[in-house]
All heavy atoms as atom14 arrays in JSON, in Angstrom:
{
  "sequence": "ELVASYTVGDFTNYGDSVKGRFTISRDNAKKMVYLQMNNLKPED",
  "atom14_mask": [
    [1, 1, 1, 1, 1, 1, 1, 1, 1, 0, 0, 0, 0, 0],
    [1, 1, 1, 1, 1, 1, 1, 1, 0, 0, 0, 0, 0, 0],
    [1, 1, 1, 1, 1, 1, 1, 0, 0, 0, 0, 0, 0, 0],
    [1, 1, 1, 1, 1, 0, 0, 0, 0, 0, 0, 0, 0, 0],
    [1, 1, 1, 1, 1, 1, 0, 0, 0, 0, 0, 0, 0, 0],
    [1, 1, 1, 1, 1, 1, 1, 1, 1, 1, 1, 1, 0, 0],
    [1, 1, 1, 1, 1, 1, 1, 0, 0, 0, 0, 0, 0, 0],
    [1, 1, 1, 1, 1, 1, 1, 0, 0, 0, 0, 0, 0, 0],
    [1, 1, 1, 1, 0, 0, 0, 0, 0, 0, 0, 0, 0, 0],
    [1, 1, 1, 1, 1, 1, 1, 1, 0, 0, 0, 0, 0, 0],
    [1, 1, 1, 1, 1, 1, 1, 1, 1, 1, 1, 0, 0, 0],
    [1, 1, 1, 1, 1, 1, 1, 0, 0, 0, 0, 0, 0, 0],
    [1, 1, 1, 1, 1, 1, 1, 1, 0, 0, 0, 0, 0, 0],
    [1, 1, 1, 1, 1, 1, 1, 1, 1, 1, 1, 1, 0, 0],
    [1, 1, 1, 1, 0, 0, 0, 0, 0, 0, 0, 0, 0, 0],
    [1, 1, 1, 1, 1, 1, 1, 1, 0, 0, 0, 0, 0, 0],
    [1, 1, 1, 1, 1, 1, 0, 0, 0, 0, 0, 0, 0, 0],
    [1, 1, 1, 1, 1, 1, 1, 0, 0, 0, 0, 0, 0, 0],
    [1, 1, 1, 1, 1, 1, 1, 1, 1, 0, 0, 0, 0, 0],
    [1, 1, 1, 1, 0, 0, 0, 0, 0, 0, 0, 0, 0, 0],
    [1, 1, 1, 1, 1, 1, 1, 1, 1, 1, 1, 0, 0, 0],
    [1, 1, 1, 1, 1, 1, 1, 1, 1, 1, 1, 0, 0, 0],
    [1, 1, 1, 1, 1, 1, 1, 0, 0, 0, 0, 0, 0, 0],
    [1, 1, 1, 1, 1, 1, 1, 1, 0, 0, 0, 0, 0, 0],
    [1, 1, 1, 1, 1, 1, 0, 0, 0, 0, 0, 0, 0, 0],
    [1, 1, 1, 1, 1, 1, 1, 1, 1, 1, 1, 0, 0, 0],
    [1, 1, 1, 1, 1, 1, 1, 1, 0, 0, 0, 0, 0, 0],
    [1, 1, 1, 1, 1, 1, 1, 1, 0, 0, 0, 0, 0, 0],
    [1, 1, 1, 1, 1, 0, 0, 0, 0, 0, 0, 0, 0, 0],
    [1, 1, 1, 1, 1, 1, 1, 1, 1, 0, 0, 0, 0, 0],
    [1, 1, 1, 1, 1, 1, 1, 1, 1, 0, 0, 0, 0, 0],
    [1, 1, 1, 1, 1, 1, 1, 1, 0, 0, 0, 0, 0, 0],
    [1, 1, 1, 1, 1, 1, 1, 0, 0, 0, 0, 0, 0, 0],
    [1, 1, 1, 1, 1, 1, 1, 1, 1, 1, 1, 1, 0, 0],
    [1, 1, 1, 1, 1, 1, 1, 1, 0, 0, 0, 0, 0, 0],
    [1, 1, 1, 1, 1, 1, 1, 1, 1, 0, 0, 0, 0, 0],
    [1, 1, 1, 1, 1, 1, 1, 1, 0, 0, 0, 0, 0, 0],
    [1, 1, 1, 1, 1, 1, 1, 1, 0, 0, 0, 0, 0, 0],
    [1, 1, 1, 1, 1, 1, 1, 1, 0, 0, 0, 0, 0, 0],
    [1, 1, 1, 1, 1, 1, 1, 1, 0, 0, 0, 0, 0, 0],
    [1, 1, 1, 1, 1, 1, 1, 1, 1, 0, 0, 0, 0, 0],
    [1, 1, 1, 1, 1, 1, 1, 0, 0, 0, 0, 0, 0, 0],
    [1, 1, 1, 1, 1, 1, 1, 1, 1, 0, 0, 0, 0, 0],
    [1, 1, 1, 1, 1, 1, 1, 1, 0, 0, 0, 0, 0, 0]
  ],
  "atom14_positions": [
    [[-13.12, 14.0, 14.94], [-11.91, 13.5, 15.52], [-10.74, 14.38, 15.27], [-10.69, 15.07, 14.25], [-11.67, 12.09, 15.04], [-11.37, 11.98, 13.58], [-11.02, 10.58, 13.14], [-10.88, 9.66, 13.99], [-10.92, 10.36, 11.89], [0.0, 0.0, 0.0], [0.0, 0.0, 0.0], [0.0, 0.0, 0.0], [0.0, 0.0, 0.0], [0.0, 0.0, 0.0]],
    [[-9.78, 14.26, 16.14], [-8.54, 14.94, 15.94], [-7.69, 14.39, 14.76], [-7.61, 13.19, 14.66], [-7.71, 14.85, 17.22], [-6.22, 15.25, 17.16], [-6.15, 16.82, 17.03], [-5.35, 14.79, 18.29], [0.0, 0.0, 0.0], [0.0, 0.0, 0.0], [0.0, 0.0, 0.0], [0.0, 0.0, 0.0], [0.0, 0.0, 0.0], [0.0, 0.0, 0.0]],
    [[-7.23, 15.28, 13.97], [-6.31, 14.93, 12.89], [-4.88, 15.31, 13.36], [-3.98, 14.47, 13.37], [-6.68, 15.62, 11.58], [-5.63, 15.3, 10.49], [-8.07, 15.18, 11.13], [0.0, 0.0, 0.0], [0.0, 0.0, 0.0], [0.0, 0.0, 0.0], [0.0, 0.0, 0.0], [0.0, 0.0, 0.0], [0.0, 0.0, 0.0], [0.0, 0.0, 0.0]],
    [[-4.75, 16.56, 13.61], [-3.36, 17.13, 14.05], [-3.6, 18.43, 14.76], [-4.44, 19.18, 14.43], [-2.48, 17.29, 12.79], [0.0, 0.0, 0.0], [0.0, 0.0, 0.0], [0.0, 0.0, 0.0], [0.0, 0.0, 0.0], [0.0, 0.0, 0.0], [0.0, 0.0, 0.0], [0.0, 0.0, 0.0], [0.0, 0.0, 0.0], [0.0, 0.0, 0.0]],
    [[-2.73, 18.67, 15.75], [-2.87, 19.9, 16.49], [-1.53, 20.26, 17.17], [-0.67, 19.4, 17.38], [-3.96, 19.82, 17.61], [-3.58, 18.89, 18.6], [0.0, 0.0, 0.0], [0.0, 0.0, 0.0], [0.0, 0.0, 0.0], [0.0, 0.0, 0.0], [0.0, 0.0, 0.0], [0.0, 0.0, 0.0], [0.0, 0.0, 0.0], [0.0, 0.0, 0.0]],
    [[-1.38, 21.52, 17.52], [-0.31, 22.0, 18.35], [-0.71, 21.92, 19.83], [-1.9, 22.16, 20.13], [0.1, 23.42, 17.97], [0.89, 23.52, 16.68], [0.26, 23.87, 15.51], [2.24, 23.25, 16.71], [0.96, 23.93, 14.35], [2.98, 23.34, 15.51], [2.36, 23.65, 14.34], [3.09, 23.78, 13.16], [0.0, 0.0, 0.0], [0.0, 0.0, 0.0]],
    [[0.22, 21.49, 20.64], [-0.05, 21.32, 22.09], [0.73, 22.37, 22.81], [1.41, 23.26, 22.23], [0.31, 19.97, 22.57], [1.68, 19.68, 22.34], [-0.54, 18.87, 21.81], [0.0, 0.0, 0.0], [0.0, 0.0, 0.0], [0.0, 0.0, 0.0], [0.0, 0.0, 0.0], [0.0, 0.0, 0.0], [0.0, 0.0, 0.0], [0.0, 0.0, 0.0]],
    [[0.71, 22.29, 24.19], [1.57, 23.23, 25.06], [2.98, 23.09, 24.63], [3.5, 21.96, 24.47], [1.32, 22.86, 26.48], [2.22, 23.71, 27.4], [-0.15, 23.0, 26.97], [0.0, 0.0, 0.0], [0.0, 0.0, 0.0], [0.0, 0.0, 0.0], [0.0, 0.0, 0.0], [0.0, 0.0, 0.0], [0.0, 0.0, 0.0], [0.0, 0.0, 0.0]],
    [[3.62, 24.2, 24.51], [5.01, 24.23, 24.12], [5.23, 24.06, 22.62], [6.4, 23.88, 22.18], [0.0, 0.0, 0.0], [0.0, 0.0, 0.0], [0.0, 0.0, 0.0], [0.0, 0.0, 0.0], [0.0, 0.0, 0.0], [0.0, 0.0, 0.0], [0.0, 0.0, 0.0], [0.0, 0.0, 0.0], [0.0, 0.0, 0.0], [0.0, 0.0, 0.0]],
    [[4.21, 24.12, 21.87], [4.2, 23.97, 20.39], [4.69, 22.62, 19.92], [5.18, 22.48, 18.86], [5.08, 25.12, 19.77], [4.39, 26.42, 19.67], [3.07, 26.39, 19.7], [5.03, 27.43, 19.56], [0.0, 0.0, 0.0], [0.0, 0.0, 0.0], [0.0, 0.0, 0.0], [0.0, 0.0, 0.0], [0.0, 0.0, 0.0], [0.0, 0.0, 0.0]],
    [[4.47, 21.58, 20.74], [4.66, 20.22, 20.31], [3.46, 19.87, 19.43], [2.39, 20.52, 19.48], [4.76, 19.24, 21.48], [6.08, 19.4, 22.26], [6.14, 20.2, 23.3], [7.18, 18.7, 21.83], [7.31, 20.32, 24.08], [8.36, 18.79, 22.54], [8.44, 19.63, 23.63], [0.0, 0.0, 0.0], [0.0, 0.0, 0.0], [0.0, 0.0, 0.0]],
    [[3.57, 18.86, 18.62], [2.46, 18.46, 17.76], [1.87, 17.08, 18.27], [2.57, 16.25, 18.79], [2.93, 18.31, 16.3], [4.06, 17.47, 16.2], [3.29, 19.67, 15.78], [0.0, 0.0, 0.0], [0.0, 0.0, 0.0], [0.0, 0.0, 0.0], [0.0, 0.0, 0.0], [0.0, 0.0, 0.0], [0.0, 0.0, 0.0], [0.0, 0.0, 0.0]],
    [[0.63, 16.9, 17.94], [-0.13, 15.71, 18.29], [-0.92, 15.3, 17.04], [-1.56, 16.06, 16.42], [-1.04, 15.94, 19.47], [-1.72, 14.71, 19.95], [-1.13, 13.6, 19.95], [-2.97, 14.79, 20.36], [0.0, 0.0, 0.0], [0.0, 0.0, 0.0], [0.0, 0.0, 0.0], [0.0, 0.0, 0.0], [0.0, 0.0, 0.0], [0.0, 0.0, 0.0]],
    [[-0.86, 13.98, 16.75], [-1.54, 13.43, 15.53], [-2.47, 12.32, 15.93], [-2.12, 11.53, 16.83], [-0.58, 12.99, 14.49], [0.32, 14.04, 13.85], [1.55, 14.41, 14.45], [-0.14, 14.75, 12.73], [2.28, 15.43, 13.87], [0.62, 15.73, 12.19], [1.85, 16.11, 12.71], [2.6, 17.08, 12.12], [0.0, 0.0, 0.0], [0.0, 0.0, 0.0]],
    [[-3.54, 12.24, 15.21], [-4.4, 11.04, 15.37], [-3.71, 9.82, 14.91], [-2.85, 9.86, 13.96], [0.0, 0.0, 0.0], [0.0, 0.0, 0.0], [0.0, 0.0, 0.0], [0.0, 0.0, 0.0], [0.0, 0.0, 0.0], [0.0, 0.0, 0.0], [0.0, 0.0, 0.0], [0.0, 0.0, 0.0], [0.0, 0.0, 0.0], [0.0, 0.0, 0.0]],
    [[-4.0, 8.68, 15.52], [-3.32, 7.44, 15.23], [-3.38, 7.08, 13.8], [-2.39, 6.56, 13.19], [-3.78, 6.27, 16.13], [-3.41, 6.46, 17.6], [-2.46, 7.18, 17.89], [-4.07, 5.83, 18.4], [0.0, 0.0, 0.0], [0.0, 0.0, 0.0], [0.0, 0.0, 0.0], [0.0, 0.0, 0.0], [0.0, 0.0, 0.0], [0.0, 0.0, 0.0]],
    [[-4.48, 7.28, 13.18], [-4.68, 6.82, 11.78], [-3.93, 7.71, 10.73], [-3.81, 7.29, 9.59], [-6.19, 6.86, 11.44], [-6.73, 8.18, 11.49], [0.0, 0.0, 0.0], [0.0, 0.0, 0.0], [0.0, 0.0, 0.0], [0.0, 0.0, 0.0], [0.0, 0.0, 0.0], [0.0, 0.0, 0.0], [0.0, 0.0, 0.0], [0.0, 0.0, 0.0]],
    [[-3.46, 8.83, 11.18], [-2.77, 9.71, 10.19], [-1.27, 9.89, 10.52], [-0.51, 10.55, 9.7], [-3.42, 11.09, 10.11], [-4.92, 10.98, 9.81], [-3.17, 11.9, 11.38], [0.0, 0.0, 0.0], [0.0, 0.0, 0.0], [0.0, 0.0, 0.0], [0.0, 0.0, 0.0], [0.0, 0.0, 0.0], [0.0, 0.0, 0.0], [0.0, 0.0, 0.0]],
    [[-0.76, 9.29, 11.56], [0.63, 9.45, 11.94], [1.56, 8.92, 10.81], [1.3, 7.83, 10.25], [0.95, 8.68, 13.21], [0.36, 9.4, 14.47], [0.66, 8.56, 15.72], [0.11, 9.29, 16.98], [0.41, 8.49, 18.2], [0.0, 0.0, 0.0], [0.0, 0.0, 0.0], [0.0, 0.0, 0.0], [0.0, 0.0, 0.0], [0.0, 0.0, 0.0]],
    [[2.52, 9.7, 10.5], [3.45, 9.35, 9.48], [3.0, 9.73, 8.06], [3.85, 9.69, 7.09], [0.0, 0.0, 0.0], [0.0, 0.0, 0.0], [0.0, 0.0, 0.0], [0.0, 0.0, 0.0], [0.0, 0.0, 0.0], [0.0, 0.0, 0.0], [0.0, 0.0, 0.0], [0.0, 0.0, 0.0], [0.0, 0.0, 0.0], [0.0, 0.0, 0.0]],
    [[1.81, 10.16, 7.93], [1.28, 10.55, 6.61], [0.92, 12.04, 6.54], [1.05, 12.68, 5.49], [0.01, 9.77, 6.24], [0.22, 8.27, 6.16], [-0.95, 7.48, 5.63], [-2.11, 7.66, 6.47], [-3.31, 8.16, 6.15], [-3.46, 8.64, 4.89], [-4.3, 8.26, 7.01], [0.0, 0.0, 0.0], [0.0, 0.0, 0.0], [0.0, 0.0, 0.0]],
    [[0.44, 12.62, 7.62], [0.02, 13.99, 7.66], [1.03, 14.87, 8.47], [1.59, 14.35, 9.42], [-1.34, 14.18, 8.32], [-2.5, 13.55, 7.47], [-2.27, 12.79, 6.35], [-3.83, 13.76, 7.88], [-3.31, 12.29, 5.59], [-4.84, 13.28, 7.17], [-4.62, 12.55, 6.02], [0.0, 0.0, 0.0], [0.0, 0.0, 0.0], [0.0, 0.0, 0.0]],
    [[1.14, 16.16, 8.1], [1.97, 17.01, 8.83], [1.33, 18.38, 9.04], [0.81, 18.98, 8.01], [3.31, 17.28, 8.13], [4.02, 16.01, 7.95], [4.19, 18.17, 8.96], [0.0, 0.0, 0.0], [0.0, 0.0, 0.0], [0.0, 0.0, 0.0], [0.0, 0.0, 0.0], [0.0, 0.0, 0.0], [0.0, 0.0, 0.0], [0.0, 0.0, 0.0]],
    [[1.21, 18.93, 10.28], [0.66, 20.18, 10.46], [1.8, 21.26, 10.6], [2.9, 20.93, 11.07], [-0.2, 20.2, 11.78], [-0.89, 21.6, 11.94], [0.69, 19.94, 13.0], [-1.86, 21.56, 13.1], [0.0, 0.0, 0.0], [0.0, 0.0, 0.0], [0.0, 0.0, 0.0], [0.0, 0.0, 0.0], [0.0, 0.0, 0.0], [0.0, 0.0, 0.0]],
    [[1.55, 22.41, 10.1], [2.55, 23.55, 10.17], [1.79, 24.84, 10.25], [0.6, 24.93, 9.93], [3.51, 23.49, 9.02], [2.89, 23.68, 7.77], [0.0, 0.0, 0.0], [0.0, 0.0, 0.0], [0.0, 0.0, 0.0], [0.0, 0.0, 0.0], [0.0, 0.0, 0.0], [0.0, 0.0, 0.0], [0.0, 0.0, 0.0], [0.0, 0.0, 0.0]],
    [[2.49, 25.9, 10.7], [1.85, 27.17, 10.79], [2.88, 28.3, 10.4], [4.05, 28.14, 10.56], [1.28, 27.46, 12.14], [2.24, 27.58, 13.24], [1.55, 27.69, 14.64], [0.93, 28.96, 14.81], [0.05, 29.25, 15.76], [-0.32, 28.3, 16.63], [-0.51, 30.44, 15.9], [0.0, 0.0, 0.0], [0.0, 0.0, 0.0], [0.0, 0.0, 0.0]],
    [[2.3, 29.36, 9.86], [3.08, 30.53, 9.5], [2.46, 31.68, 10.21], [1.46, 32.23, 9.78], [3.04, 30.74, 7.99], [3.98, 31.87, 7.48], [4.19, 32.8, 8.27], [4.5, 31.74, 6.4], [0.0, 0.0, 0.0], [0.0, 0.0, 0.0], [0.0, 0.0, 0.0], [0.0, 0.0, 0.0], [0.0, 0.0, 0.0], [0.0, 0.0, 0.0]],
    [[3.11, 32.12, 11.3], [2.48, 33.2, 12.1], [2.42, 34.54, 11.35], [1.52, 35.36, 11.63], [3.25, 33.36, 13.39], [3.04, 32.24, 14.41], [2.05, 31.49, 14.28], [3.95, 32.08, 15.32], [0.0, 0.0, 0.0], [0.0, 0.0, 0.0], [0.0, 0.0, 0.0], [0.0, 0.0, 0.0], [0.0, 0.0, 0.0], [0.0, 0.0, 0.0]],
    [[3.43, 34.81, 10.45], [3.45, 36.05, 9.77], [2.28, 36.16, 8.79], [1.69, 37.23, 8.58], [4.75, 36.17, 8.97], [0.0, 0.0, 0.0], [0.0, 0.0, 0.0], [0.0, 0.0, 0.0], [0.0, 0.0, 0.0], [0.0, 0.0, 0.0], [0.0, 0.0, 0.0], [0.0, 0.0, 0.0], [0.0, 0.0, 0.0], [0.0, 0.0, 0.0]],
    [[1.84, 35.07, 8.23], [0.74, 35.02, 7.31], [-0.57, 34.67, 7.96], [-1.64, 34.66, 7.32], [0.93, 34.0, 6.17], [2.19, 34.34, 5.29], [2.35, 33.33, 4.25], [3.48, 33.68, 3.36], [3.7, 32.69, 2.26], [0.0, 0.0, 0.0], [0.0, 0.0, 0.0], [0.0, 0.0, 0.0], [0.0, 0.0, 0.0], [0.0, 0.0, 0.0]],
    [[-0.54, 34.34, 9.27], [-1.72, 33.91, 10.08], [-2.39, 32.72, 9.35], [-3.57, 32.68, 9.11], [-2.75, 35.06, 10.21], [-2.22, 36.18, 11.09], [-3.34, 37.21, 11.25], [-2.91, 38.32, 12.3], [-3.99, 39.32, 12.51], [0.0, 0.0, 0.0], [0.0, 0.0, 0.0], [0.0, 0.0, 0.0], [0.0, 0.0, 0.0], [0.0, 0.0, 0.0]],
    [[-1.55, 31.73, 9.05], [-2.02, 30.55, 8.35], [-1.55, 29.25, 9.05], [-0.49, 29.22, 9.7], [-1.57, 30.48, 6.92], [-2.14, 31.68, 6.07], [-1.78, 31.49, 4.36], [-2.82, 30.09, 3.85], [0.0, 0.0, 0.0], [0.0, 0.0, 0.0], [0.0, 0.0, 0.0], [0.0, 0.0, 0.0], [0.0, 0.0, 0.0], [0.0, 0.0, 0.0]],
    [[-2.38, 28.22, 8.94], [-2.01, 26.88, 9.35], [-2.28, 25.94, 8.24], [-3.27, 26.12, 7.52], [-2.76, 26.48, 10.65], [-4.27, 26.54, 10.42], [-2.31, 25.13, 11.19], [0.0, 0.0, 0.0], [0.0, 0.0, 0.0], [0.0, 0.0, 0.0], [0.0, 0.0, 0.0], [0.0, 0.0, 0.0], [0.0, 0.0, 0.0], [0.0, 0.0, 0.0]],
    [[-1.45, 24.94, 8.03], [-1.49, 24.06, 6.93], [-1.58, 22.6, 7.38], [-1.21, 22.26, 8.47], [-0.27, 24.18, 6.04], [0.08, 25.58, 5.6], [0.93, 26.37, 6.26], [-0.61, 26.13, 4.45], [1.25, 27.7, 5.89], [-0.3, 27.42, 4.05], [0.57, 28.19, 4.78], [0.87, 29.5, 4.35], [0.0, 0.0, 0.0], [0.0, 0.0, 0.0]],
    [[-2.12, 21.78, 6.52], [-2.12, 20.3, 6.75], [-1.71, 19.69, 5.52], [-2.47, 19.63, 4.53], [-3.5, 19.85, 7.21], [-3.59, 18.33, 7.56], [-2.8, 18.08, 8.83], [-5.06, 17.9, 7.63], [0.0, 0.0, 0.0], [0.0, 0.0, 0.0], [0.0, 0.0, 0.0], [0.0, 0.0, 0.0], [0.0, 0.0, 0.0], [0.0, 0.0, 0.0]],
    [[-0.51, 19.14, 5.45], [-0.02, 18.38, 4.37], [-0.43, 16.9, 4.44], [-0.09, 16.28, 5.5], [1.54, 18.45, 4.19], [2.1, 17.72, 3.09], [1.7, 18.2, 1.73], [1.74, 19.41, 1.49], [1.3, 17.3, 0.87], [0.0, 0.0, 0.0], [0.0, 0.0, 0.0], [0.0, 0.0, 0.0], [0.0, 0.0, 0.0], [0.0, 0.0, 0.0]],
    [[-1.18, 16.4, 3.52], [-1.67, 15.1, 3.62], [-1.12, 14.23, 2.5], [-1.37, 14.57, 1.27], [-3.22, 15.07, 3.54], [-3.93, 15.94, 4.56], [-5.7, 15.83, 4.52], [-6.03, 16.52, 2.93], [0.0, 0.0, 0.0], [0.0, 0.0, 0.0], [0.0, 0.0, 0.0], [0.0, 0.0, 0.0], [0.0, 0.0, 0.0], [0.0, 0.0, 0.0]],
    [[-0.38, 13.21, 2.79], [0.23, 12.32, 1.86], [-0.32, 10.89, 1.96], [-0.81, 10.49, 3.02], [1.76, 12.28, 2.02], [2.42, 13.66, 1.82], [1.99, 14.43, 0.95], [3.48, 13.92, 2.59], [0.0, 0.0, 0.0], [0.0, 0.0, 0.0], [0.0, 0.0, 0.0], [0.0, 0.0, 0.0], [0.0, 0.0, 0.0], [0.0, 0.0, 0.0]],
    [[-0.12, 10.12, 0.88], [-0.57, 8.79, 0.88], [-2.04, 8.64, 1.39], [-2.39, 7.86, 2.29], [0.35, 7.87, 1.72], [0.08, 6.34, 1.58], [-0.43, 5.93, 0.51], [0.45, 5.61, 2.56], [0.0, 0.0, 0.0], [0.0, 0.0, 0.0], [0.0, 0.0, 0.0], [0.0, 0.0, 0.0], [0.0, 0.0, 0.0], [0.0, 0.0, 0.0]],
    [[-2.9, 9.44, 0.79], [-4.29, 9.44, 1.17], [-5.06, 8.14, 0.98], [-4.75, 7.44, -0.03], [-4.97, 10.59, 0.48], [-4.73, 11.99, 1.07], [-5.04, 13.08, 0.02], [-5.47, 12.18, 2.37], [0.0, 0.0, 0.0], [0.0, 0.0, 0.0], [0.0, 0.0, 0.0], [0.0, 0.0, 0.0], [0.0, 0.0, 0.0], [0.0, 0.0, 0.0]],
    [[-5.87, 7.8, 1.84], [-6.71, 6.62, 1.79], [-8.17, 6.89, 1.76], [-8.58, 7.96, 2.23], [-6.36, 5.71, 3.05], [-4.89, 5.41, 3.24], [-4.73, 4.61, 4.53], [-3.24, 4.28, 4.7], [-2.99, 3.54, 6.02], [0.0, 0.0, 0.0], [0.0, 0.0, 0.0], [0.0, 0.0, 0.0], [0.0, 0.0, 0.0], [0.0, 0.0, 0.0]],
    [[-9.0, 6.02, 1.25], [-10.44, 6.26, 1.23], [-11.03, 6.6, 2.54], [-11.95, 7.45, 2.63], [-11.03, 4.97, 0.7], [-9.95, 4.44, -0.21], [-8.68, 4.78, 0.53], [0.0, 0.0, 0.0], [0.0, 0.0, 0.0], [0.0, 0.0, 0.0], [0.0, 0.0, 0.0], [0.0, 0.0, 0.0], [0.0, 0.0, 0.0], [0.0, 0.0, 0.0]],
    [[-10.49, 6.04, 3.62], [-10.98, 6.33, 4.98], [-10.63, 7.78, 5.49], [-11.09, 8.13, 6.54], [-10.54, 5.25, 5.96], [-8.99, 5.02, 5.93], [-8.62, 3.84, 5.09], [-9.18, 3.62, 4.01], [-7.75, 3.07, 5.52], [0.0, 0.0, 0.0], [0.0, 0.0, 0.0], [0.0, 0.0, 0.0], [0.0, 0.0, 0.0], [0.0, 0.0, 0.0]],
    [[-9.84, 8.44, 4.7], [-9.54, 9.88, 5.03], [-10.65, 10.79, 4.57], [-10.64, 12.0, 4.86], [-8.22, 10.3, 4.41], [-7.02, 9.54, 5.0], [-6.97, 9.38, 6.3], [-6.07, 9.24, 4.25], [0.0, 0.0, 0.0], [0.0, 0.0, 0.0], [0.0, 0.0, 0.0], [0.0, 0.0, 0.0], [0.0, 0.0, 0.0], [0.0, 0.0, 0.0]]
  ]
}
């Protein structure tokens, strides 16, 4: 299932169960993408 992604125009999209808790980001210079996960739950 989708957790988080960039969409057309570099907007972000999050799965309903993680909205408000997870954040996606990217660093083009480092060729990296990150997922910050807060308030983790067993269902994660």
